[in-house]
PDB file of N, CA and C in Angstrom:
ATOM      1  N   GLN A   1       0.663  -1.180   0.216  1.00  0.00           N
ATOM      2  CA  GLN A   1      -0.201  -0.267   0.264  1.00  0.00           C
ATOM      3  C   GLN A   1       0.971   1.787   0.413  1.00  0.00           C
ATOM      4  N   VAL A   2       2.128   1.429   1.541  1.00  0.00           N
ATOM      5  CA  VAL A   2       2.277   2.538   1.280  1.00  0.00           C
ATOM      6  C   VAL A   2       3.822   2.377   0.122  1.00  0.00           C
ATOM      7  N   GLN A   3       4.366   3.525  -0.831  1.00  0.00           N
ATOM      8  CA  GLN A   3       5.471   3.507  -1.954  1.00  0.00           C
ATOM      9  C   GLN A   3       6.158   5.071  -1.604  1.00  0.00           C
ATOM     10  N   LEU A   4       6.692   4.587  -1.413  1.00  0.00           N
ATOM     11  CA  LEU A   4       8.069   5.767  -1.487  1.00  0.00           C
ATOM     12  C   LEU A   4       8.779   5.707  -2.568  1.00  0.00           C
ATOM     13  N   VAL A   5       8.833   6.658  -3.999  1.00  0.00           N
ATOM     14  CA  VAL A   5       9.117   6.777  -4.968  1.00  0.00           C
ATOM     15  C   VAL A   5      10.985   7.099  -4.848  1.00  0.00           C
ATOM     16  N   GLU A   6      11.727   6.789  -5.305  1.00  0.00           N
ATOM     17  CA  GLU A   6      12.604   8.179  -5.853  1.00  0.00           C
ATOM     18  C   GLU A   6      13.199   8.326  -7.590  1.00  0.00           C
ATOM     19  N   SER A   7      13.435   9.716  -7.487  1.00  0.00           N
ATOM     20  CA  SER A   7      14.755   9.274  -8.511  1.00  0.00           C
ATOM     21  C   SER A   7      15.102  10.827  -8.758  1.00  0.00           C
ATOM     22  N   GLY A   8      15.862  11.074  -9.103  1.00  0.00           N
ATOM     23  CA  GLY A   8      16.700  11.905  -9.641  1.00  0.00           C
ATOM     24  C   GLY A   8      18.333  11.629 -10.095  1.00  0.00           C
ATOM     25  N   GLY A   9      18.183  10.276  -9.461  1.00  0.00           N
ATOM     26  CA  GLY A   9      20.107  10.208  -9.405  1.00  0.00           C
ATOM     27  C   GLY A   9      20.246  10.185 -10.847  1.00  0.00           C
ATOM     28  N   GLY A  10      21.900   9.504 -10.761  1.00  0.00           N
ATOM     29  CA  GLY A  10      22.447   9.364 -12.458  1.00  0.00           C
ATOM     30  C   GLY A  10      24.027   9.531 -12.331  1.00  0.00           C
ATOM     31  N   LEU A  11      24.645  10.437 -13.016  1.00  0.00           N
ATOM     32  CA  LEU A  11      25.850  10.412 -13.267  1.00  0.00           C
ATOM     33  C   LEU A  11      26.135  11.723 -13.758  1.00  0.00           C
ATOM     34  N   VAL A  12      27.323  11.967 -12.117  1.00  0.00           N
ATOM     35  CA  VAL A  12      27.168  13.075 -12.164  1.00  0.00           C
ATOM     36  C   VAL A  12      29.130  13.784 -11.975  1.00  0.00           C
ATOM     37  N   GLN A  13      30.046  14.951 -12.212  1.00  0.00           N
ATOM     38  CA  GLN A  13      31.094  14.363 -12.505  1.00  0.00           C
ATOM     39  C   GLN A  13      31.504  15.506 -10.475  1.00  0.00           C
ATOM     40  N   PRO A  14      32.543  14.996 -10.082  1.00  0.00           N
ATOM     41  CA  PRO A  14      32.965  16.051  -8.342  1.00  0.00           C
ATOM     42  C   PRO A  14      32.846  17.077  -9.075  1.00  0.00           C
ATOM     43  N   GLY A  15      31.748  17.581  -7.830  1.00  0.00           N
ATOM     44  CA  GLY A  15      31.802  19.111  -8.216  1.00  0.00           C
ATOM     45  C   GLY A  15      30.429  19.721  -8.703  1.00  0.00           C
ATOM     46  N   GLY A  16      29.918  18.573  -8.989  1.00  0.00           N
ATOM     47  CA  GLY A  16      28.792  18.546  -9.356  1.00  0.00           C
ATOM     48  C   GLY A  16      27.139  18.639  -8.469  1.00  0.00           C
ATOM     49  N   SER A  17      26.179  18.905  -8.944  1.00  0.00           N
ATOM     50  CA  SER A  17      24.875  19.337  -7.981  1.00  0.00           C
ATOM     51  C   SER A  17      24.001  17.739  -9.140  1.00  0.00           C
ATOM     52  N   LEU A  18      23.017  17.623  -7.986  1.00  0.00           N
ATOM     53  CA  LEU A  18      22.091  16.366  -8.645  1.00  0.00           C
ATOM     54  C   LEU A  18      21.068  17.295  -7.160  1.00  0.00           C
ATOM     55  N   ARG A  19      19.629  17.206  -7.547  1.00  0.00           N
ATOM     56  CA  ARG A  19      18.419  16.773  -6.776  1.00  0.00           C
ATOM     57  C   ARG A  19      17.807  15.476  -6.891  1.00  0.00           C
ATOM     58  N   LEU A  20      17.324  14.845  -5.474  1.00  0.00           N
ATOM     59  CA  LEU A  20      16.570  13.813  -5.489  1.00  0.00           C
ATOM     60  C   LEU A  20      14.918  14.324  -5.253  1.00  0.00           C
ATOM     61  N   SER A  21      14.852  13.375  -5.627  1.00  0.00           N
ATOM     62  CA  SER A  21      13.081  13.575  -4.877  1.00  0.00           C
ATOM     63  C   SER A  21      12.435  12.236  -5.262  1.00  0.00           C
ATOM     64  N   CYS A  22      11.463  12.116  -3.557  1.00  0.00           N
ATOM     65  CA  CYS A  22      10.434  11.174  -3.126  1.00  0.00           C
ATOM     66  C   CYS A  22       9.458  11.209  -3.737  1.00  0.00           C
ATOM     67  N   THR A  23       8.540  10.920  -3.611  1.00  0.00           N
ATOM     68  CA  THR A  23       7.219  11.417  -3.658  1.00  0.00           C
ATOM     69  C   THR A  23       6.648  10.388  -3.189  1.00  0.00           C
ATOM     70  N   THR A  24       5.818  10.590  -1.947  1.00  0.00           N
ATOM     71  CA  THR A  24       5.035   8.969  -1.334  1.00  0.00           C
ATOM     72  C   THR A  24       3.798   8.804  -1.589  1.00  0.00           C
ATOM     73  N   SER A  25       3.022   7.817  -1.225  1.00  0.00           N
ATOM     74  CA  SER A  25       1.461   7.723  -1.090  1.00  0.00           C
ATOM     75  C   SER A  25       1.338   8.254   0.262  1.00  0.00           C
ATOM     76  N   GLY A  26      -0.436   8.880   0.611  1.00  0.00           N
ATOM     77  CA  GLY A  26      -0.452   8.608   1.774  1.00  0.00           C
ATOM     78  C   GLY A  26      -1.480  10.240   1.530  1.00  0.00           C
ATOM     79  N   SER A  27      -1.720  10.268   2.392  1.00  0.00           N
ATOM     80  CA  SER A  27      -3.474  11.609   2.396  1.00  0.00           C
ATOM     81  C   SER A  27      -2.182  12.965   4.012  1.00  0.00           C
ATOM     82  N   ARG A  28      -1.832  11.965   4.601  1.00  0.00           N
ATOM     83  CA  ARG A  28      -1.275  12.244   5.930  1.00  0.00           C
ATOM     84  C   ARG A  28       0.090  12.554   5.962  1.00  0.00           C
ATOM     85  N   PHE A  29       0.831  12.939   4.792  1.00  0.00           N
ATOM     86  CA  PHE A  29       2.706  13.220   3.906  1.00  0.00           C
ATOM     87  C   PHE A  29       2.651  14.820   4.978  1.00  0.00           C
ATOM     88  N   SER A  30       2.712  15.318   5.521  1.00  0.00           N
ATOM     89  CA  SER A  30       2.802  16.139   5.513  1.00  0.00           C
ATOM     90  C   SER A  30       2.780  15.962   7.900  1.00  0.00           C
ATOM     91  N   ILE A  31       2.668  15.080   8.221  1.00  0.00           N
ATOM     92  CA  ILE A  31       3.078  14.430   9.092  1.00  0.00           C
ATOM     93  C   ILE A  31       3.891  13.384   9.334  1.00  0.00           C
ATOM     94  N   TYR A  32       4.620  13.259   8.666  1.00  0.00           N
ATOM     95  CA  TYR A  32       5.453  12.628   8.564  1.00  0.00           C
ATOM     96  C   TYR A  32       6.789  12.562   8.790  1.00  0.00           C
ATOM     97  N   THR A  33       7.978  12.307   9.392  1.00  0.00           N
ATOM     98  CA  THR A  33       9.402  12.700   9.581  1.00  0.00           C
ATOM     99  C   THR A  33       9.948  11.426   8.459  1.00  0.00           C
ATOM    100  N   MET A  34      10.876  12.215   7.184  1.00  0.00           N
ATOM    101  CA  MET A  34      11.176  12.073   6.313  1.00  0.00           C
ATOM    102  C   MET A  34      12.730  12.391   6.545  1.00  0.00           C
ATOM    103  N   GLY A  35      13.352  11.187   5.252  1.00  0.00           N
ATOM    104  CA  GLY A  35      14.923  11.680   5.660  1.00  0.00           C
ATOM    105  C   GLY A  35      15.038  10.943   3.605  1.00  0.00           C
ATOM    106  N   TRP A  36      17.255  10.920   4.207  1.00  0.00           N
ATOM    107  CA  TRP A  36      17.603  10.280   3.430  1.00  0.00           C
ATOM    108  C   TRP A  36      18.598   9.339   3.801  1.00  0.00           C
ATOM    109  N   TYR A  37      18.956   8.330   3.106  1.00  0.00           N
ATOM    110  CA  TYR A  37      19.713   7.276   3.628  1.00  0.00           C
ATOM    111  C   TYR A  37      20.804   6.962   2.461  1.00  0.00           C
ATOM    112  N   ARG A  38      21.887   6.593   2.556  1.00  0.00           N
ATOM    113  CA  ARG A  38      22.711   6.358   0.993  1.00  0.00           C
ATOM    114  C   ARG A  38      23.489   4.367   2.186  1.00  0.00           C
ATOM    115  N   GLN A  39      23.903   3.855   0.922  1.00  0.00           N
ATOM    116  CA  GLN A  39      24.504   2.705   1.288  1.00  0.00           C
ATOM    117  C   GLN A  39      25.370   2.371  -0.130  1.00  0.00           C
ATOM    118  N   ALA A  40      26.587   2.509  -0.155  1.00  0.00           N
ATOM    119  CA  ALA A  40      28.020   2.387  -0.956  1.00  0.00           C
ATOM    120  C   ALA A  40      27.997   0.764  -1.105  1.00  0.00           C
ATOM    121  N   PRO A  41      28.753   0.486  -1.799  1.00  0.00           N
ATOM    122  CA  PRO A  41      29.055  -1.206  -1.888  1.00  0.00           C
ATOM    123  C   PRO A  41      29.780  -1.749  -0.703  1.00  0.00           C
ATOM    124  N   GLY A  42      29.470  -2.883  -0.388  1.00  0.00           N
ATOM    125  CA  GLY A  42      30.616  -2.965   1.568  1.00  0.00           C
ATOM    126  C   GLY A  42      30.490  -1.925   3.168  1.00  0.00           C
ATOM    127  N   LYS A  43      29.093  -0.768   2.943  1.00  0.00           N
ATOM    128  CA  LYS A  43      28.783  -0.562   4.085  1.00  0.00           C
ATOM    129  C   LYS A  43      27.950  -0.743   3.985  1.00  0.00           C
ATOM    130  N   GLN A  44      27.693  -0.239   5.588  1.00  0.00           N
ATOM    131  CA  GLN A  44      26.833   0.689   6.359  1.00  0.00           C
ATOM    132  C   GLN A  44      25.502   1.191   5.474  1.00  0.00           C
ATOM    133  N   ARG A  45      24.248   1.139   5.674  1.00  0.00           N
ATOM    134  CA  ARG A  45      23.580   1.606   5.167  1.00  0.00           C
ATOM    135  C   ARG A  45      23.125   3.329   6.323  1.00  0.00           C
ATOM    136  N   GLY A  46      23.667   4.918   5.818  1.00  0.00           N
ATOM    137  CA  GLY A  46      23.828   5.514   7.538  1.00  0.00           C
ATOM    138  C   GLY A  46      23.109   6.542   6.054  1.00  0.00           C
ATOM    139  N   LEU A  47      22.807   7.571   8.240  1.00  0.00           N
ATOM    140  CA  LEU A  47      21.355   8.582   7.664  1.00  0.00           C
ATOM    141  C   LEU A  47      22.506  10.254   6.963  1.00  0.00           C
ATOM    142  N   VAL A  48      22.008  10.322   5.781  1.00  0.00           N
ATOM    143  CA  VAL A  48      22.261  11.343   5.306  1.00  0.00           C
ATOM    144  C   VAL A  48      21.277  12.748   6.124  1.00  0.00           C
ATOM    145  N   ALA A  49      20.145  13.037   6.349  1.00  0.00           N
ATOM    146  CA  ALA A  49      19.676  14.155   6.265  1.00  0.00           C
ATOM    147  C   ALA A  49      18.854  13.844   6.922  1.00  0.00           C
ATOM    148  N   ARG A  50      17.313  14.243   7.605  1.00  0.00           N
ATOM    149  CA  ARG A  50      16.214  14.105   7.683  1.00  0.00           C
ATOM    150  C   ARG A  50      15.550  15.567   7.810  1.00  0.00           C
ATOM    151  N   ILE A  51      14.072  15.481   7.705  1.00  0.00           N
ATOM    152  CA  ILE A  51      13.551  16.745   8.521  1.00  0.00           C
ATOM    153  C   ILE A  51      12.915  16.349   8.846  1.00  0.00           C
ATOM    154  N   THR A  52      11.600  16.951   9.878  1.00  0.00           N
ATOM    155  CA  THR A  52      10.539  16.956  11.417  1.00  0.00           C
ATOM    156  C   THR A  52       9.528  17.299   9.718  1.00  0.00           C
ATOM    157  N   SER A  53       8.188  16.735  10.662  1.00  0.00           N
ATOM    158  CA  SER A  53       6.730  17.443  10.470  1.00  0.00           C
ATOM    159  C   SER A  53       7.017  19.413  10.595  1.00  0.00           C
ATOM    160  N   GLY A  54       7.222  19.437  11.818  1.00  0.00           N
ATOM    161  CA  GLY A  54       8.147  20.798  11.551  1.00  0.00           C
ATOM    162  C   GLY A  54       8.906  21.670  11.216  1.00  0.00           C
ATOM    163  N   GLY A  55      10.032  20.278  10.029  1.00  0.00           N
ATOM    164  CA  GLY A  55      10.670  21.480   9.619  1.00  0.00           C
ATOM    165  C   GLY A  55      11.904  21.639   9.858  1.00  0.00           C
ATOM    166  N   SER A  56      12.245  21.189  11.101  1.00  0.00           N
ATOM    167  CA  SER A  56      13.767  20.341  11.795  1.00  0.00           C
ATOM    168  C   SER A  56      14.305  19.760  10.646  1.00  0.00           C
ATOM    169  N   THR A  57      14.789  20.086  10.640  1.00  0.00           N
ATOM    170  CA  THR A  57      16.255  18.642  10.029  1.00  0.00           C
ATOM    171  C   THR A  57      18.342  18.507  10.761  1.00  0.00           C
ATOM    172  N   ASN A  58      18.298  17.756   9.974  1.00  0.00           N
ATOM    173  CA  ASN A  58      19.546  17.483  10.321  1.00  0.00           C
ATOM    174  C   ASN A  58      20.051  16.597   9.534  1.00  0.00           C
ATOM    175  N   TYR A  59      21.741  16.724   9.833  1.00  0.00           N
ATOM    176  CA  TYR A  59      21.762  16.304   8.182  1.00  0.00           C
ATOM    177  C   TYR A  59      23.698  15.495   9.429  1.00  0.00           C
ATOM    178  N   ALA A  60      23.439  14.195   8.032  1.00  0.00           N
ATOM    179  CA  ALA A  60      25.616  13.240   8.688  1.00  0.00           C
ATOM    180  C   ALA A  60      27.466  14.902   8.592  1.00  0.00           C
ATOM    181  N   ASP A  61      27.298  14.870   9.299  1.00  0.00           N
ATOM    182  CA  ASP A  61      28.517  14.830   9.537  1.00  0.00           C
ATOM    183  C   ASP A  61      29.224  15.990   7.485  1.00  0.00           C
ATOM    184  N   SER A  62      29.477  14.376   7.112  1.00  0.00           N
ATOM    185  CA  SER A  62      29.865  14.688   5.368  1.00  0.00           C
ATOM    186  C   SER A  62      29.035  15.099   4.522  1.00  0.00           C
ATOM    187  N   VAL A  63      28.433  15.661   5.108  1.00  0.00           N
ATOM    188  CA  VAL A  63      27.349  16.500   3.855  1.00  0.00           C
ATOM    189  C   VAL A  63      26.554  17.862   4.295  1.00  0.00           C
ATOM    190  N   ARG A  64      27.055  18.029   5.691  1.00  0.00           N
ATOM    191  CA  ARG A  64      26.661  19.151   5.681  1.00  0.00           C
ATOM    192  C   ARG A  64      27.351  20.373   5.795  1.00  0.00           C
ATOM    193  N   GLY A  65      26.060  21.646   5.015  1.00  0.00           N
ATOM    194  CA  GLY A  65      26.670  22.748   3.912  1.00  0.00           C
ATOM    195  C   GLY A  65      26.964  22.196   2.805  1.00  0.00           C
ATOM    196  N   ARG A  66      26.560  20.652   2.197  1.00  0.00           N
ATOM    197  CA  ARG A  66      26.571  21.084   0.261  1.00  0.00           C
ATOM    198  C   ARG A  66      25.304  19.987   0.528  1.00  0.00           C
ATOM    199  N   PHE A  67      24.290  19.551   1.524  1.00  0.00           N
ATOM    200  CA  PHE A  67      23.196  19.064   1.045  1.00  0.00           C
ATOM    201  C   PHE A  67      22.457  19.790   1.924  1.00  0.00           C
ATOM    202  N   THR A  68      20.975  20.005   1.075  1.00  0.00           N
ATOM    203  CA  THR A  68      19.601  20.153   1.590  1.00  0.00           C
ATOM    204  C   THR A  68      18.416  19.320   1.592  1.00  0.00           C
ATOM    205  N   ILE A  69      17.976  19.030   2.784  1.00  0.00           N
ATOM    206  CA  ILE A  69      16.675  19.250   2.613  1.00  0.00           C
ATOM    207  C   ILE A  69      15.268  19.244   3.125  1.00  0.00           C
ATOM    208  N   SER A  70      14.619  18.969   1.963  1.00  0.00           N
ATOM    209  CA  SER A  70      13.011  19.813   1.912  1.00  0.00           C
ATOM    210  C   SER A  70      12.443  19.083   1.385  1.00  0.00           C
ATOM    211  N   ARG A  71      11.244  19.901   1.652  1.00  0.00           N
ATOM    212  CA  ARG A  71       9.527  18.520   1.257  1.00  0.00           C
ATOM    213  C   ARG A  71       8.791  20.111   1.207  1.00  0.00           C
ATOM    214  N   ASP A  72       7.720  19.733   0.280  1.00  0.00           N
ATOM    215  CA  ASP A  72       6.529  20.534  -0.310  1.00  0.00           C
ATOM    216  C   ASP A  72       5.468  19.162  -0.104  1.00  0.00           C
ATOM    217  N   ASN A  73       4.987  19.515   1.029  1.00  0.00           N
ATOM    218  CA  ASN A  73       3.730  18.890   1.522  1.00  0.00           C
ATOM    219  C   ASN A  73       2.932  18.364   0.923  1.00  0.00           C
ATOM    220  N   ALA A  74       2.223  20.075  -0.356  1.00  0.00           N
ATOM    221  CA  ALA A  74       0.715  19.630  -1.221  1.00  0.00           C
ATOM    222  C   ALA A  74       1.894  19.006  -2.212  1.00  0.00           C
ATOM    223  N   LYS A  75       2.200  18.731  -2.302  1.00  0.00           N
ATOM    224  CA  LYS A  75       3.813  17.695  -3.512  1.00  0.00           C
ATOM    225  C   LYS A  75       3.440  15.969  -3.135  1.00  0.00           C
ATOM    226  N   ASN A  76       3.060  16.139  -1.268  1.00  0.00           N
ATOM    227  CA  ASN A  76       3.055  14.833  -1.333  1.00  0.00           C
ATOM    228  C   ASN A  76       5.471  13.758  -1.433  1.00  0.00           C
ATOM    229  N   THR A  77       6.239  15.269  -1.625  1.00  0.00           N
ATOM    230  CA  THR A  77       7.206  14.957  -2.108  1.00  0.00           C
ATOM    231  C   THR A  77       8.553  15.412  -1.876  1.00  0.00           C
ATOM    232  N   LEU A  78       9.545  14.308  -1.522  1.00  0.00           N
ATOM    233  CA  LEU A  78      10.858  14.718  -0.550  1.00  0.00           C
ATOM    234  C   LEU A  78      12.021  15.257  -1.228  1.00  0.00           C
ATOM    235  N   TYR A  79      12.873  16.156  -0.998  1.00  0.00           N
ATOM    236  CA  TYR A  79      13.909  16.663  -1.860  1.00  0.00           C
ATOM    237  C   TYR A  79      15.168  16.603  -1.197  1.00  0.00           C
ATOM    238  N   LEU A  80      16.224  16.640  -1.990  1.00  0.00           N
ATOM    239  CA  LEU A  80      17.775  16.807  -1.493  1.00  0.00           C
ATOM    240  C   LEU A  80      18.462  17.083  -2.614  1.00  0.00           C
ATOM    241  N   ARG A  81      19.154  18.727  -2.132  1.00  0.00           N
ATOM    242  CA  ARG A  81      19.675  18.264  -3.078  1.00  0.00           C
ATOM    243  C   ARG A  81      21.018  18.761  -2.966  1.00  0.00           C
ATOM    244  N   MET A  82      22.481  18.502  -3.853  1.00  0.00           N
ATOM    245  CA  MET A  82      23.361  17.576  -3.272  1.00  0.00           C
ATOM    246  C   MET A  82      23.709  18.921  -4.564  1.00  0.00           C
ATOM    247  N   ASN A  83      25.088  20.025  -3.394  1.00  0.00           N
ATOM    248  CA  ASN A  83      26.059  20.141  -5.023  1.00  0.00           C
ATOM    249  C   ASN A  83      27.348  19.903  -3.814  1.00  0.00           C
ATOM    250  N   SER A  84      28.292  20.261  -4.364  1.00  0.00           N
ATOM    251  CA  SER A  84      29.227  20.275  -4.315  1.00  0.00           C
ATOM    252  C   SER A  84      30.165  18.587  -3.896  1.00  0.00           C
ATOM    253  N   LEU A  85      29.570  17.551  -5.538  1.00  0.00           N
ATOM    254  CA  LEU A  85      28.807  16.158  -4.636  1.00  0.00           C
ATOM    255  C   LEU A  85      30.900  15.847  -5.084  1.00  0.00           C
ATOM    256  N   LYS A  86      31.245  14.630  -3.885  1.00  0.00           N
ATOM    257  CA  LYS A  86      32.631  13.510  -4.189  1.00  0.00           C
ATOM    258  C   LYS A  86      32.145  12.383  -4.150  1.00  0.00           C
ATOM    259  N   PRO A  87      33.351  12.402  -4.905  1.00  0.00           N
ATOM    260  CA  PRO A  87      33.365  10.908  -5.264  1.00  0.00           C
ATOM    261  C   PRO A  87      32.679   9.800  -4.045  1.00  0.00           C
ATOM    262  N   GLU A  88      33.437   9.711  -2.793  1.00  0.00           N
ATOM    263  CA  GLU A  88      32.441   9.676  -1.916  1.00  0.00           C
ATOM    264  C   GLU A  88      31.396   9.737  -1.442  1.00  0.00           C
ATOM    265  N   ASP A  89      30.387  10.653  -2.126  1.00  0.00           N
ATOM    266  CA  ASP A  89      29.270  10.865  -2.314  1.00  0.00           C
ATOM    267  C   ASP A  89      28.184   9.555  -3.106  1.00  0.00           C
ATOM    268  N   THR A  90      29.167   8.945  -4.399  1.00  0.00           N
ATOM    269  CA  THR A  90      28.832   7.270  -4.801  1.00  0.00           C
ATOM    270  C   THR A  90      28.043   6.780  -3.803  1.00  0.00           C
ATOM    271  N   ALA A  91      27.362   5.881  -4.054  1.00  0.00           N
ATOM    272  CA  ALA A  91      26.114   4.627  -3.014  1.00  0.00           C
ATOM    273  C   ALA A  91      24.827   5.144  -3.913  1.00  0.00           C
ATOM    274  N   VAL A  92      23.850   4.178  -3.648  1.00  0.00           N
ATOM    275  CA  VAL A  92      22.347   4.256  -3.267  1.00  0.00           C
ATOM    276  C   VAL A  92      21.981   4.787  -2.573  1.00  0.00           C
ATOM    277  N   TYR A  93      21.178   5.632  -2.459  1.00  0.00           N
ATOM    278  CA  TYR A  93      20.070   6.937  -1.902  1.00  0.00           C
ATOM    279  C   TYR A  93      19.160   6.606  -1.871  1.00  0.00           C
ATOM    280  N   TYR A  94      18.439   5.936  -0.356  1.00  0.00           N
ATOM    281  CA  TYR A  94      16.807   5.855   0.433  1.00  0.00           C
ATOM    282  C   TYR A  94      15.537   6.471   0.278  1.00  0.00           C
ATOM    283  N   CYS A  95      14.907   6.311  -0.341  1.00  0.00           N
ATOM    284  CA  CYS A  95      14.096   7.774   0.788  1.00  0.00           C
ATOM    285  C   CYS A  95      13.160   6.870   1.815  1.00  0.00           C
ATOM    286  N   TRP A  96      12.880   7.691   3.613  1.00  0.00           N
ATOM    287  CA  TRP A  96      12.611   7.651   4.382  1.00  0.00           C
ATOM    288  C   TRP A  96      11.558   7.962   4.697  1.00  0.00           C
ATOM    289  N   ARG A  97      10.881   6.966   5.295  1.00  0.00           N
ATOM    290  CA  ARG A  97       9.026   8.115   5.827  1.00  0.00           C
ATOM    291  C   ARG A  97       9.229   7.176   7.049  1.00  0.00           C
ATOM    292  N   ALA A  98       8.326   8.328   7.553  1.00  0.00           N
ATOM    293  CA  ALA A  98       8.151   7.419   9.685  1.00  0.00           C
ATOM    294  C   ALA A  98       6.999   8.488   9.964  1.00  0.00           C
ATOM    295  N   TYR A  99       6.452   7.378  10.785  1.00  0.00           N
ATOM    296  CA  TYR A  99       5.237   8.108  12.274  1.00  0.00           C
ATOM    297  C   TYR A  99       4.828   6.983  13.265  1.00  0.00           C
ATOM    298  N   ARG A 100       4.903   7.060  14.016  1.00  0.00           N
ATOM    299  CA  ARG A 100       5.337   6.495  15.188  1.00  0.00           C
ATOM    300  C   ARG A 100       6.112   4.795  15.267  1.00  0.00           C
ATOM    301  N   ASN A 101       5.196   4.189  15.258  1.00  0.00           N
ATOM    302  CA  ASN A 101       6.289   2.499  14.769  1.00  0.00           C
ATOM    303  C   ASN A 101       6.436   2.997  13.684  1.00  0.00           C
ATOM    304  N   ASP A 102       5.670   3.302  12.553  1.00  0.00           N
ATOM    305  CA  ASP A 102       5.344   3.202  10.760  1.00  0.00           C
ATOM    306  C   ASP A 102       6.286   3.838  10.633  1.00  0.00           C
ATOM    307  N   SER A 103       7.559   2.998   9.371  1.00  0.00           N
ATOM    308  CA  SER A 103       8.745   3.119   9.342  1.00  0.00           C
ATOM    309  C   SER A 103       8.839   2.395   7.107  1.00  0.00           C
ATOM    310  N   TYR A 104       8.726   3.221   6.845  1.00  0.00           N
ATOM    311  CA  TYR A 104       8.982   2.633   5.375  1.00  0.00           C
ATOM    312  C   TYR A 104      10.513   3.160   4.644  1.00  0.00           C
ATOM    313  N   TRP A 105      10.155   2.454   3.009  1.00  0.00           N
ATOM    314  CA  TRP A 105      12.001   2.959   2.690  1.00  0.00           C
ATOM    315  C   TRP A 105      11.355   3.005   1.542  1.00  0.00           C
ATOM    316  N   GLY A 106      11.584   3.663   0.669  1.00  0.00           N
ATOM    317  CA  GLY A 106      11.632   3.480  -1.051  1.00  0.00           C
ATOM    318  C   GLY A 106      13.481   2.288  -1.339  1.00  0.00           C
ATOM    319  N   GLN A 107      13.073   2.559  -3.310  1.00  0.00           N
ATOM    320  CA  GLN A 107      13.921   1.508  -3.213  1.00  0.00           C
ATOM    321  C   GLN A 107      15.589   1.572  -3.599  1.00  0.00           C
ATOM    322  N   GLY A 108      15.632   2.713  -3.893  1.00  0.00           N
ATOM    323  CA  GLY A 108      16.152   3.720  -3.594  1.00  0.00           C
ATOM    324  C   GLY A 108      16.876   4.133  -5.282  1.00  0.00           C
ATOM    325  N   THR A 109      17.457   5.275  -5.486  1.00  0.00           N
ATOM    326  CA  THR A 109      17.866   5.278  -6.609  1.00  0.00           C
ATOM    327  C   THR A 109      19.874   6.013  -6.940  1.00  0.00           C
ATOM    328  N   GLN A 110      20.679   5.365  -8.020  1.00  0.00           N
ATOM    329  CA  GLN A 110      21.817   5.268  -7.648  1.00  0.00           C
ATOM    330  C   GLN A 110      21.611   7.440  -7.636  1.00  0.00           C
ATOM    331  N   VAL A 111      23.233   7.211  -7.195  1.00  0.00           N
ATOM    332  CA  VAL A 111      24.355   8.451  -7.333  1.00  0.00           C
ATOM    333  C   VAL A 111      25.351   8.210  -7.775  1.00  0.00           C
ATOM    334  N   THR A 112      26.567   8.483  -8.643  1.00  0.00           N
ATOM    335  CA  THR A 112      27.508   7.775  -9.273  1.00  0.00           C
ATOM    336  C   THR A 112      28.142   9.416  -9.413  1.00  0.00           C
ATOM    337  N   VAL A 113      29.309   9.861  -8.269  1.00  0.00           N
ATOM    338  CA  VAL A 113      30.165  10.878  -8.645  1.00  0.00           C
ATOM    339  C   VAL A 113      31.783  10.530  -9.146  1.00  0.00           C
ATOM    340  N   SER A 114      32.150  11.047 -10.608  1.00  0.00           N
ATOM    341  CA  SER A 114      32.478  10.377 -10.452  1.00  0.00           C
ATOM    342  C   SER A 114      33.357  11.528 -11.899  1.00  0.00           C
ATOM    343  N   SER A 115      34.516  11.679 -12.049  1.00  0.00           N
ATOM    344  CA  SER A 115      34.765  12.300 -14.194  1.00  0.00           C
ATOM    345  C   SER A 115      35.802  11.034 -14.717  1.00  0.00           C
TER     346      SER A 115
END
């Protein structure tokens, strides 16, 4: 029933920018905590950024100052603007939605940063 669909991944050169989007099902998008996580080959999935229903945000140290998480509640959409991309940002990026004890993940979108 619940669907989270990421888009916007792709290949980008170091120093470039990319914007990821995540559109989710449901009629109460505004109440959810939303986030972006990423997983590189051979590494654990880790937090990239998170945004609460109230709009407060937090970021992984590795992306703070370069990435911006935002949401458009009218569009049921979560965004991640990624600037100054580095090769170490290469990973599958996953959209995450949570409310109380409910938690859901998208299928992920590949981001590759390479020259």
